[in-house]
């Protein structure tokens, strides 16, 4: 089990190297953050589309064109559990719907 052996290696590590462009052999030191996480298993989730309420609204925030003018932002609510997922990243309502549905499935 790889996770059992590497889970204690998480944290900040110091990295030392001598670049190939360094003519005098000086050591460059930098820091790297390491996160060790177990791999999540894929679980197939069945969502009945009749149990999902779809709300469309105007995107908000900075962005210029098509912000606060088109109803492209999507909020999905799973009615039996009350879990909510929303997306307003894309200009397309369909792309936002697909992304919000993926977020809802993962929750």
PDB file of N, CA and C in Angstrom:
ATOM      1  N   UNK A   1       0.856  -1.182   0.000  1.00  0.00           N
ATOM      2  CA  UNK A   1       0.000   0.000   0.000  1.00  0.00           C
ATOM      3  C   UNK A   1       0.898   1.240   0.000  1.00  0.00           C
ATOM      4  N   UNK A   2       0.875   1.967  -1.078  1.00  0.00           N
ATOM      5  CA  UNK A   2       1.750   3.131  -1.245  1.00  0.00           C
ATOM      6  C   UNK A   2       1.368   4.246  -0.279  1.00  0.00           C
ATOM      7  N   UNK A   3       0.089   4.462  -0.075  1.00  0.00           N
ATOM      8  CA  UNK A   3      -0.348   5.543   0.811  1.00  0.00           C
ATOM      9  C   UNK A   3       0.161   5.335   2.240  1.00  0.00           C
ATOM     10  N   UNK A   4       0.158   4.111   2.720  1.00  0.00           N
ATOM     11  CA  UNK A   4       0.617   3.825   4.082  1.00  0.00           C
ATOM     12  C   UNK A   4       2.093   4.179   4.258  1.00  0.00           C
ATOM     13  N   UNK A   5       2.882   4.030   3.185  1.00  0.00           N
ATOM     14  CA  UNK A   5       4.313   4.320   3.293  1.00  0.00           C
ATOM     15  C   UNK A   5       4.621   5.803   3.104  1.00  0.00           C
ATOM     16  N   UNK A   6       3.812   6.521   2.328  1.00  0.00           N
ATOM     17  CA  UNK A   6       4.135   7.907   1.990  1.00  0.00           C
ATOM     18  C   UNK A   6       3.296   8.954   2.718  1.00  0.00           C
ATOM     19  N   UNK A   7       2.345   8.539   3.545  1.00  0.00           N
ATOM     20  CA  UNK A   7       1.452   9.531   4.154  1.00  0.00           C
ATOM     21  C   UNK A   7       2.171  10.468   5.118  1.00  0.00           C
ATOM     22  N   UNK A   8       3.324  10.060   5.646  1.00  0.00           N
ATOM     23  CA  UNK A   8       4.056  10.919   6.568  1.00  0.00           C
ATOM     24  C   UNK A   8       5.007  11.869   5.845  1.00  0.00           C
ATOM     25  N   UNK A   9       5.069  11.807   4.536  1.00  0.00           N
ATOM     26  CA  UNK A   9       5.947  12.691   3.757  1.00  0.00           C
ATOM     27  C   UNK A   9       5.265  13.996   3.380  1.00  0.00           C
ATOM     28  N   UNK A  10       4.027  14.181   3.749  1.00  0.00           N
ATOM     29  CA  UNK A  10       3.305  15.412   3.418  1.00  0.00           C
ATOM     30  C   UNK A  10       3.890  16.575   4.208  1.00  0.00           C
ATOM     31  N   UNK A  11       3.876  17.747   3.595  1.00  0.00           N
ATOM     32  CA  UNK A  11       4.380  18.940   4.271  1.00  0.00           C
ATOM     33  C   UNK A  11       5.304  19.717   3.357  1.00  0.00           C
ATOM     34  N   UNK A  12       6.098  20.604   3.936  1.00  0.00           N
ATOM     35  CA  UNK A  12       7.009  21.443   3.169  1.00  0.00           C
ATOM     36  C   UNK A  12       8.391  20.799   3.169  1.00  0.00           C
ATOM     37  N   UNK A  13       8.963  20.658   1.987  1.00  0.00           N
ATOM     38  CA  UNK A  13      10.289  20.076   1.832  1.00  0.00           C
ATOM     39  C   UNK A  13      11.236  21.105   1.224  1.00  0.00           C
ATOM     40  N   UNK A  14      12.497  21.053   1.620  1.00  0.00           N
ATOM     41  CA  UNK A  14      13.512  21.935   1.040  1.00  0.00           C
ATOM     42  C   UNK A  14      14.146  21.208  -0.133  1.00  0.00           C
ATOM     43  N   UNK A  15      14.228  21.899  -1.261  1.00  0.00           N
ATOM     44  CA  UNK A  15      14.791  21.324  -2.482  1.00  0.00           C
ATOM     45  C   UNK A  15      16.084  22.070  -2.790  1.00  0.00           C
ATOM     46  N   UNK A  16      17.182  21.334  -2.936  1.00  0.00           N
ATOM     47  CA  UNK A  16      18.461  21.936  -3.285  1.00  0.00           C
ATOM     48  C   UNK A  16      18.933  21.364  -4.609  1.00  0.00           C
ATOM     49  N   UNK A  17      19.417  22.256  -5.492  1.00  0.00           N
ATOM     50  CA  UNK A  17      19.901  21.794  -6.787  1.00  0.00           C
ATOM     51  C   UNK A  17      20.977  22.747  -7.292  1.00  0.00           C
ATOM     52  N   UNK A  18      21.807  22.261  -8.189  1.00  0.00           N
ATOM     53  CA  UNK A  18      22.802  23.080  -8.879  1.00  0.00           C
ATOM     54  C   UNK A  18      22.354  23.161 -10.336  1.00  0.00           C
ATOM     55  N   UNK A  19      21.861  24.343 -10.777  1.00  0.00           N
ATOM     56  CA  UNK A  19      21.395  24.447 -12.158  1.00  0.00           C
ATOM     57  C   UNK A  19      22.529  24.237 -13.158  1.00  0.00           C
ATOM     58  N   UNK A  20      22.186  23.783 -14.348  1.00  0.00           N
ATOM     59  CA  UNK A  20      23.203  23.566 -15.383  1.00  0.00           C
ATOM     60  C   UNK A  20      23.799  24.883 -15.859  1.00  0.00           C
ATOM     61  N   UNK A  21      23.070  25.985 -15.662  1.00  0.00           N
ATOM     62  CA  UNK A  21      23.576  27.296 -16.079  1.00  0.00           C
ATOM     63  C   UNK A  21      24.470  27.935 -15.028  1.00  0.00           C
ATOM     64  N   UNK A  22      24.586  27.330 -13.869  1.00  0.00           N
ATOM     65  CA  UNK A  22      25.403  27.877 -12.782  1.00  0.00           C
ATOM     66  C   UNK A  22      26.859  27.491 -13.016  1.00  0.00           C
ATOM     67  N   UNK A  23      27.704  28.484 -13.327  1.00  0.00           N
ATOM     68  CA  UNK A  23      29.101  28.192 -13.657  1.00  0.00           C
ATOM     69  C   UNK A  23      29.974  28.051 -12.420  1.00  0.00           C
ATOM     70  N   UNK A  24      29.590  28.650 -11.303  1.00  0.00           N
ATOM     71  CA  UNK A  24      30.423  28.614 -10.106  1.00  0.00           C
ATOM     72  C   UNK A  24      29.976  27.540  -9.112  1.00  0.00           C
ATOM     73  N   UNK A  25      28.993  26.738  -9.467  1.00  0.00           N
ATOM     74  CA  UNK A  25      28.596  25.612  -8.640  1.00  0.00           C
ATOM     75  C   UNK A  25      27.786  25.972  -7.410  1.00  0.00           C
ATOM     76  N   UNK A  26      27.143  27.135  -7.415  1.00  0.00           N
ATOM     77  CA  UNK A  26      26.340  27.517  -6.241  1.00  0.00           C
ATOM     78  C   UNK A  26      25.049  26.710  -6.195  1.00  0.00           C
ATOM     79  N   UNK A  27      24.615  26.447  -4.985  1.00  0.00           N
ATOM     80  CA  UNK A  27      23.413  25.648  -4.773  1.00  0.00           C
ATOM     81  C   UNK A  27      22.207  26.580  -4.666  1.00  0.00           C
ATOM     82  N   UNK A  28      21.174  26.296  -5.430  1.00  0.00           N
ATOM     83  CA  UNK A  28      19.919  27.035  -5.345  1.00  0.00           C
ATOM     84  C   UNK A  28      18.978  26.255  -4.438  1.00  0.00           C
ATOM     85  N   UNK A  29      18.377  26.953  -3.491  1.00  0.00           N
ATOM     86  CA  UNK A  29      17.475  26.318  -2.535  1.00  0.00           C
ATOM     87  C   UNK A  29      16.069  26.873  -2.735  1.00  0.00           C
ATOM     88  N   UNK A  30      15.094  25.990  -2.766  1.00  0.00           N
ATOM     89  CA  UNK A  30      13.693  26.406  -2.862  1.00  0.00           C
ATOM     90  C   UNK A  30      12.862  25.469  -2.005  1.00  0.00           C
ATOM     91  N   UNK A  31      11.587  25.777  -1.896  1.00  0.00           N
ATOM     92  CA  UNK A  31      10.680  24.969  -1.077  1.00  0.00           C
ATOM     93  C   UNK A  31       9.574  24.390  -1.953  1.00  0.00           C
ATOM     94  N   UNK A  32       9.136  23.209  -1.589  1.00  0.00           N
ATOM     95  CA  UNK A  32       8.035  22.557  -2.294  1.00  0.00           C
ATOM     96  C   UNK A  32       7.069  22.000  -1.259  1.00  0.00           C
ATOM     97  N   UNK A  33       5.792  22.188  -1.502  1.00  0.00           N
ATOM     98  CA  UNK A  33       4.767  21.641  -0.623  1.00  0.00           C
ATOM     99  C   UNK A  33       4.269  20.330  -1.209  1.00  0.00           C
ATOM    100  N   UNK A  34       4.244  19.306  -0.384  1.00  0.00           N
ATOM    101  CA  UNK A  34       3.842  17.978  -0.829  1.00  0.00           C
ATOM    102  C   UNK A  34       2.561  17.584  -0.094  1.00  0.00           C
ATOM    103  N   UNK A  35       1.559  17.142  -0.862  1.00  0.00           N
ATOM    104  CA  UNK A  35       0.313  16.634  -0.278  1.00  0.00           C
ATOM    105  C   UNK A  35       0.164  15.175  -0.703  1.00  0.00           C
ATOM    106  N   UNK A  36      -0.030  14.306   0.253  1.00  0.00           N
ATOM    107  CA  UNK A  36      -0.216  12.878  -0.020  1.00  0.00           C
ATOM    108  C   UNK A  36      -1.639  12.522   0.386  1.00  0.00           C
ATOM    109  N   UNK A  37      -2.442  12.140  -0.608  1.00  0.00           N
ATOM    110  CA  UNK A  37      -3.855  11.837  -0.374  1.00  0.00           C
ATOM    111  C   UNK A  37      -4.172  10.440  -0.884  1.00  0.00           C
ATOM    112  N   UNK A  38      -5.062   9.722  -0.229  1.00  0.00           N
ATOM    113  CA  UNK A  38      -5.470   8.421  -0.760  1.00  0.00           C
ATOM    114  C   UNK A  38      -6.326   8.621  -2.003  1.00  0.00           C
ATOM    115  N   UNK A  39      -6.236   7.681  -2.909  1.00  0.00           N
ATOM    116  CA  UNK A  39      -7.014   7.784  -4.136  1.00  0.00           C
ATOM    117  C   UNK A  39      -8.463   7.413  -3.854  1.00  0.00           C
ATOM    118  N   UNK A  40      -9.365   8.297  -4.254  1.00  0.00           N
ATOM    119  CA  UNK A  40     -10.793   8.053  -4.024  1.00  0.00           C
ATOM    120  C   UNK A  40     -11.305   7.044  -5.052  1.00  0.00           C
ATOM    121  N   UNK A  41     -12.128   6.148  -4.590  1.00  0.00           N
ATOM    122  CA  UNK A  41     -12.703   5.150  -5.483  1.00  0.00           C
ATOM    123  C   UNK A  41     -13.922   5.725  -6.187  1.00  0.00           C
ATOM    124  N   UNK A  42     -14.075   5.388  -7.456  1.00  0.00           N
ATOM    125  CA  UNK A  42     -15.220   5.859  -8.227  1.00  0.00           C
ATOM    126  C   UNK A  42     -16.469   5.122  -7.774  1.00  0.00           C
ATOM    127  N   UNK A  43     -17.515   5.891  -7.524  1.00  0.00           N
ATOM    128  CA  UNK A  43     -18.791   5.334  -7.115  1.00  0.00           C
ATOM    129  C   UNK A  43     -19.837   5.840  -8.103  1.00  0.00           C
ATOM    130  N   UNK A  44     -20.585   4.919  -8.664  1.00  0.00           N
ATOM    131  CA  UNK A  44     -21.628   5.305  -9.614  1.00  0.00           C
ATOM    132  C   UNK A  44     -22.859   5.759  -8.845  1.00  0.00           C
ATOM    133  N   UNK A  45     -23.284   6.983  -9.111  1.00  0.00           N
ATOM    134  CA  UNK A  45     -24.416   7.568  -8.402  1.00  0.00           C
ATOM    135  C   UNK A  45     -25.564   7.744  -9.386  1.00  0.00           C
ATOM    136  N   UNK A  46     -26.717   7.248  -9.004  1.00  0.00           N
ATOM    137  CA  UNK A  46     -27.910   7.414  -9.834  1.00  0.00           C
ATOM    138  C   UNK A  46     -28.690   8.630  -9.343  1.00  0.00           C
ATOM    139  N   UNK A  47     -28.850   9.607 -10.213  1.00  0.00           N
ATOM    140  CA  UNK A  47     -29.644  10.788  -9.882  1.00  0.00           C
ATOM    141  C   UNK A  47     -30.879  10.805 -10.771  1.00  0.00           C
ATOM    142  N   UNK A  48     -32.028  10.878 -10.159  1.00  0.00           N
ATOM    143  CA  UNK A  48     -33.261  11.011 -10.909  1.00  0.00           C
ATOM    144  C   UNK A  48     -33.440  12.497 -11.232  1.00  0.00           C
ATOM    145  N   UNK A  49     -33.518  12.814 -12.513  1.00  0.00           N
ATOM    146  CA  UNK A  49     -33.616  14.223 -12.917  1.00  0.00           C
ATOM    147  C   UNK A  49     -34.912  14.868 -12.433  1.00  0.00           C
ATOM    148  N   UNK A  50     -35.910  14.060 -12.070  1.00  0.00           N
ATOM    149  CA  UNK A  50     -37.146  14.627 -11.530  1.00  0.00           C
ATOM    150  C   UNK A  50     -36.949  15.125 -10.093  1.00  0.00           C
ATOM    151  N   UNK A  51     -35.882  14.660  -9.422  1.00  0.00           N
ATOM    152  CA  UNK A  51     -35.600  15.084  -8.055  1.00  0.00           C
ATOM    153  C   UNK A  51     -34.694  16.315  -8.000  1.00  0.00           C
ATOM    154  N   UNK A  52     -34.338  16.867  -9.158  1.00  0.00           N
ATOM    155  CA  UNK A  52     -33.410  17.998  -9.194  1.00  0.00           C
ATOM    156  C   UNK A  52     -34.153  19.241  -9.660  1.00  0.00           C
ATOM    157  N   UNK A  53     -34.076  20.299  -8.830  1.00  0.00           N
ATOM    158  CA  UNK A  53     -34.669  21.589  -9.220  1.00  0.00           C
ATOM    159  C   UNK A  53     -33.593  22.413  -9.910  1.00  0.00           C
ATOM    160  N   UNK A  54     -33.917  22.956 -11.089  1.00  0.00           N
ATOM    161  CA  UNK A  54     -32.965  23.744 -11.867  1.00  0.00           C
ATOM    162  C   UNK A  54     -33.355  25.218 -11.779  1.00  0.00           C
ATOM    163  N   UNK A  55     -32.398  26.052 -11.365  1.00  0.00           N
ATOM    164  CA  UNK A  55     -32.611  27.493 -11.335  1.00  0.00           C
ATOM    165  C   UNK A  55     -31.582  28.133 -12.247  1.00  0.00           C
ATOM    166  N   UNK A  56     -32.036  29.049 -13.100  1.00  0.00           N
ATOM    167  CA  UNK A  56     -31.143  29.794 -13.975  1.00  0.00           C
ATOM    168  C   UNK A  56     -31.187  31.249 -13.560  1.00  0.00           C
ATOM    169  N   UNK A  57     -30.001  31.868 -13.471  1.00  0.00           N
ATOM    170  CA  UNK A  57     -29.945  33.263 -13.051  1.00  0.00           C
ATOM    171  C   UNK A  57     -28.776  33.944 -13.734  1.00  0.00           C
ATOM    172  N   UNK A  58     -28.701  35.265 -13.594  1.00  0.00           N
ATOM    173  CA  UNK A  58     -27.626  36.047 -14.204  1.00  0.00           C
ATOM    174  C   UNK A  58     -26.321  35.810 -13.460  1.00  0.00           C
ATOM    175  N   UNK A  59     -25.237  35.707 -14.217  1.00  0.00           N
ATOM    176  CA  UNK A  59     -23.916  35.604 -13.604  1.00  0.00           C
ATOM    177  C   UNK A  59     -23.604  36.906 -12.893  1.00  0.00           C
ATOM    178  N   UNK A  60     -22.829  36.803 -11.817  1.00  0.00           N
ATOM    179  CA  UNK A  60     -22.454  38.006 -11.084  1.00  0.00           C
ATOM    180  C   UNK A  60     -20.944  38.068 -10.969  1.00  0.00           C
ATOM    181  N   UNK A  61     -20.446  39.177 -10.505  1.00  0.00           N
ATOM    182  CA  UNK A  61     -19.008  39.354 -10.320  1.00  0.00           C
ATOM    183  C   UNK A  61     -18.379  40.072 -11.496  1.00  0.00           C
ATOM    184  N   UNK A  62     -17.052  40.230 -11.459  1.00  0.00           N
ATOM    185  CA  UNK A  62     -16.373  40.926 -12.549  1.00  0.00           C
ATOM    186  C   UNK A  62     -16.385  40.077 -13.811  1.00  0.00           C
ATOM    187  N   UNK A  63     -16.287  40.696 -14.970  1.00  0.00           N
ATOM    188  CA  UNK A  63     -16.246  39.897 -16.180  1.00  0.00           C
ATOM    189  C   UNK A  63     -16.662  40.619 -17.433  1.00  0.00           C
ATOM    190  N   UNK A  64     -17.324  41.756 -17.325  1.00  0.00           N
ATOM    191  CA  UNK A  64     -17.641  42.509 -18.542  1.00  0.00           C
ATOM    192  C   UNK A  64     -18.833  41.956 -19.272  1.00  0.00           C
ATOM    193  N   UNK A  65     -18.616  41.493 -20.505  1.00  0.00           N
ATOM    194  CA  UNK A  65     -19.709  41.042 -21.351  1.00  0.00           C
ATOM    195  C   UNK A  65     -20.429  39.841 -20.741  1.00  0.00           C
ATOM    196  N   UNK A  66     -21.684  39.767 -20.966  1.00  0.00           N
ATOM    197  CA  UNK A  66     -22.587  38.668 -20.591  1.00  0.00           C
ATOM    198  C   UNK A  66     -22.655  38.429 -19.087  1.00  0.00           C
ATOM    199  N   UNK A  67     -22.131  39.333 -18.278  1.00  0.00           N
ATOM    200  CA  UNK A  67     -22.327  39.256 -16.842  1.00  0.00           C
ATOM    201  C   UNK A  67     -23.498  40.156 -16.513  1.00  0.00           C
ATOM    202  N   UNK A  68     -24.458  39.626 -15.804  1.00  0.00           N
ATOM    203  CA  UNK A  68     -25.671  40.338 -15.416  1.00  0.00           C
ATOM    204  C   UNK A  68     -26.545  40.705 -16.613  1.00  0.00           C
ATOM    205  N   UNK A  69     -26.359  40.029 -17.753  1.00  0.00           N
ATOM    206  CA  UNK A  69     -27.214  40.284 -18.917  1.00  0.00           C
ATOM    207  C   UNK A  69     -27.880  39.013 -19.432  1.00  0.00           C
ATOM    208  N   UNK A  70     -27.202  37.863 -19.322  1.00  0.00           N
ATOM    209  CA  UNK A  70     -27.778  36.610 -19.804  1.00  0.00           C
ATOM    210  C   UNK A  70     -27.966  35.650 -18.638  1.00  0.00           C
ATOM    211  N   UNK A  71     -28.982  34.831 -18.726  1.00  0.00           N
ATOM    212  CA  UNK A  71     -29.287  33.852 -17.680  1.00  0.00           C
ATOM    213  C   UNK A  71     -28.522  32.566 -17.969  1.00  0.00           C
ATOM    214  N   UNK A  72     -27.212  32.601 -17.750  1.00  0.00           N
ATOM    215  CA  UNK A  72     -26.389  31.435 -18.058  1.00  0.00           C
ATOM    216  C   UNK A  72     -25.891  30.719 -16.808  1.00  0.00           C
ATOM    217  N   UNK A  73     -26.026  31.308 -15.634  1.00  0.00           N
ATOM    218  CA  UNK A  73     -25.601  30.648 -14.402  1.00  0.00           C
ATOM    219  C   UNK A  73     -26.658  29.618 -13.991  1.00  0.00           C
ATOM    220  N   UNK A  74     -26.191  28.500 -13.433  1.00  0.00           N
ATOM    221  CA  UNK A  74     -27.082  27.388 -13.111  1.00  0.00           C
ATOM    222  C   UNK A  74     -26.920  27.021 -11.643  1.00  0.00           C
ATOM    223  N   UNK A  75     -28.046  26.800 -10.973  1.00  0.00           N
ATOM    224  CA  UNK A  75     -28.046  26.273  -9.605  1.00  0.00           C
ATOM    225  C   UNK A  75     -28.914  25.024  -9.606  1.00  0.00           C
ATOM    226  N   UNK A  76     -28.347  23.900  -9.176  1.00  0.00           N
ATOM    227  CA  UNK A  76     -29.080  22.642  -9.106  1.00  0.00           C
ATOM    228  C   UNK A  76     -29.269  22.263  -7.647  1.00  0.00           C
ATOM    229  N   UNK A  77     -30.490  21.901  -7.291  1.00  0.00           N
ATOM    230  CA  UNK A  77     -30.804  21.495  -5.921  1.00  0.00           C
ATOM    231  C   UNK A  77     -31.389  20.097  -5.950  1.00  0.00           C
ATOM    232  N   UNK A  78     -30.769  19.173  -5.220  1.00  0.00           N
ATOM    233  CA  UNK A  78     -31.308  17.825  -5.096  1.00  0.00           C
ATOM    234  C   UNK A  78     -32.347  17.879  -3.981  1.00  0.00           C
ATOM    235  N   UNK A  79     -33.590  17.789  -4.339  1.00  0.00           N
ATOM    236  CA  UNK A  79     -34.695  18.042  -3.413  1.00  0.00           C
ATOM    237  C   UNK A  79     -34.715  17.071  -2.225  1.00  0.00           C
ATOM    238  N   UNK A  80     -34.513  15.749  -2.396  1.00  0.00           N
ATOM    239  CA  UNK A  80     -34.570  14.862  -1.227  1.00  0.00           C
ATOM    240  C   UNK A  80     -33.498  15.137  -0.172  1.00  0.00           C
ATOM    241  N   UNK A  81     -32.280  15.531  -0.602  1.00  0.00           N
ATOM    242  CA  UNK A  81     -31.202  15.734   0.364  1.00  0.00           C
ATOM    243  C   UNK A  81     -30.935  17.199   0.657  1.00  0.00           C
ATOM    244  N   UNK A  82     -31.373  18.103  -0.216  1.00  0.00           N
ATOM    245  CA  UNK A  82     -31.114  19.525  -0.024  1.00  0.00           C
ATOM    246  C   UNK A  82     -29.725  19.964  -0.450  1.00  0.00           C
ATOM    247  N   UNK A  83     -28.962  19.097  -1.126  1.00  0.00           N
ATOM    248  CA  UNK A  83     -27.615  19.444  -1.581  1.00  0.00           C
ATOM    249  C   UNK A  83     -27.723  20.388  -2.776  1.00  0.00           C
ATOM    250  N   UNK A  84     -26.926  21.460  -2.749  1.00  0.00           N
ATOM    251  CA  UNK A  84     -26.971  22.482  -3.783  1.00  0.00           C
ATOM    252  C   UNK A  84     -25.622  22.556  -4.483  1.00  0.00           C
ATOM    253  N   UNK A  85     -25.637  22.686  -5.806  1.00  0.00           N
ATOM    254  CA  UNK A  85     -24.426  22.920  -6.599  1.00  0.00           C
ATOM    255  C   UNK A  85     -24.753  23.993  -7.615  1.00  0.00           C
ATOM    256  N   UNK A  86     -23.829  24.951  -7.773  1.00  0.00           N
ATOM    257  CA  UNK A  86     -24.068  25.988  -8.766  1.00  0.00           C
ATOM    258  C   UNK A  86     -22.805  26.254  -9.547  1.00  0.00           C
ATOM    259  N   UNK A  87     -22.974  26.773 -10.765  1.00  0.00           N
ATOM    260  CA  UNK A  87     -21.847  27.055 -11.632  1.00  0.00           C
ATOM    261  C   UNK A  87     -22.173  28.260 -12.490  1.00  0.00           C
ATOM    262  N   UNK A  88     -21.188  29.180 -12.591  1.00  0.00           N
ATOM    263  CA  UNK A  88     -21.337  30.335 -13.471  1.00  0.00           C
ATOM    264  C   UNK A  88     -20.015  30.625 -14.170  1.00  0.00           C
ATOM    265  N   UNK A  89     -19.220  29.561 -14.391  1.00  0.00           N
ATOM    266  CA  UNK A  89     -17.889  29.727 -14.959  1.00  0.00           C
ATOM    267  C   UNK A  89     -17.911  30.005 -16.460  1.00  0.00           C
ATOM    268  N   UNK A  90     -18.816  29.371 -17.176  1.00  0.00           N
ATOM    269  CA  UNK A  90     -18.835  29.456 -18.634  1.00  0.00           C
ATOM    270  C   UNK A  90     -19.907  30.438 -19.097  1.00  0.00           C
ATOM    271  N   UNK A  91     -19.819  30.819 -20.377  1.00  0.00           N
ATOM    272  CA  UNK A  91     -20.862  31.673 -20.956  1.00  0.00           C
ATOM    273  C   UNK A  91     -22.076  30.856 -21.378  1.00  0.00           C
ATOM    274  N   UNK A  92     -21.874  29.549 -21.561  1.00  0.00           N
ATOM    275  CA  UNK A  92     -22.935  28.684 -22.044  1.00  0.00           C
ATOM    276  C   UNK A  92     -23.725  28.082 -20.879  1.00  0.00           C
ATOM    277  N   UNK A  93     -25.043  28.141 -21.006  1.00  0.00           N
ATOM    278  CA  UNK A  93     -25.916  27.550 -19.990  1.00  0.00           C
ATOM    279  C   UNK A  93     -25.748  26.031 -19.940  1.00  0.00           C
ATOM    280  N   UNK A  94     -25.562  25.384 -21.094  1.00  0.00           N
ATOM    281  CA  UNK A  94     -25.402  23.931 -21.135  1.00  0.00           C
ATOM    282  C   UNK A  94     -24.092  23.486 -20.488  1.00  0.00           C
ATOM    283  N   UNK A  95     -22.999  24.221 -20.741  1.00  0.00           N
ATOM    284  CA  UNK A  95     -21.717  23.862 -20.119  1.00  0.00           C
ATOM    285  C   UNK A  95     -21.783  24.053 -18.610  1.00  0.00           C
ATOM    286  N   UNK A  96     -22.436  25.133 -18.162  1.00  0.00           N
ATOM    287  CA  UNK A  96     -22.597  25.348 -16.723  1.00  0.00           C
ATOM    288  C   UNK A  96     -23.460  24.260 -16.098  1.00  0.00           C
ATOM    289  N   UNK A  97     -24.489  23.818 -16.821  1.00  0.00           N
ATOM    290  CA  UNK A  97     -25.365  22.757 -16.320  1.00  0.00           C
ATOM    291  C   UNK A  97     -24.577  21.456 -16.150  1.00  0.00           C
ATOM    292  N   UNK A  98     -23.768  21.093 -17.166  1.00  0.00           N
ATOM    293  CA  UNK A  98     -22.978  19.860 -17.089  1.00  0.00           C
ATOM    294  C   UNK A  98     -21.989  19.909 -15.934  1.00  0.00           C
ATOM    295  N   UNK A  99     -21.353  21.067 -15.742  1.00  0.00           N
ATOM    296  CA  UNK A  99     -20.370  21.196 -14.666  1.00  0.00           C
ATOM    297  C   UNK A  99     -21.047  21.133 -13.298  1.00  0.00           C
ATOM    298  N   UNK A 100     -22.185  21.789 -13.142  1.00  0.00           N
ATOM    299  CA  UNK A 100     -22.914  21.763 -11.877  1.00  0.00           C
ATOM    300  C   UNK A 100     -23.436  20.358 -11.589  1.00  0.00           C
ATOM    301  N   UNK A 101     -23.845  19.634 -12.618  1.00  0.00           N
ATOM    302  CA  UNK A 101     -24.313  18.264 -12.424  1.00  0.00           C
ATOM    303  C   UNK A 101     -23.168  17.361 -11.965  1.00  0.00           C
ATOM    304  N   UNK A 102     -21.973  17.574 -12.520  1.00  0.00           N
ATOM    305  CA  UNK A 102     -20.804  16.814 -12.068  1.00  0.00           C
ATOM    306  C   UNK A 102     -20.468  17.112 -10.618  1.00  0.00           C
ATOM    307  N   UNK A 103     -20.589  18.374 -10.192  1.00  0.00           N
ATOM    308  CA  UNK A 103     -20.326  18.752  -8.814  1.00  0.00           C
ATOM    309  C   UNK A 103     -21.375  18.118  -7.891  1.00  0.00           C
ATOM    310  N   UNK A 104     -22.631  18.144  -8.335  1.00  0.00           N
ATOM    311  CA  UNK A 104     -23.708  17.544  -7.533  1.00  0.00           C
ATOM    312  C   UNK A 104     -23.489  16.034  -7.363  1.00  0.00           C
ATOM    313  N   UNK A 105     -23.039  15.361  -8.412  1.00  0.00           N
ATOM    314  CA  UNK A 105     -22.771  13.914  -8.324  1.00  0.00           C
ATOM    315  C   UNK A 105     -21.625  13.629  -7.358  1.00  0.00           C
ATOM    316  N   UNK A 106     -20.614  14.507  -7.360  1.00  0.00           N
ATOM    317  CA  UNK A 106     -19.462  14.259  -6.495  1.00  0.00           C
ATOM    318  C   UNK A 106     -19.782  14.506  -5.026  1.00  0.00           C
ATOM    319  N   UNK A 107     -20.753  15.349  -4.762  1.00  0.00           N
ATOM    320  CA  UNK A 107     -21.125  15.632  -3.367  1.00  0.00           C
ATOM    321  C   UNK A 107     -22.014  14.542  -2.843  1.00  0.00           C
TER     322      UNK A 107
END
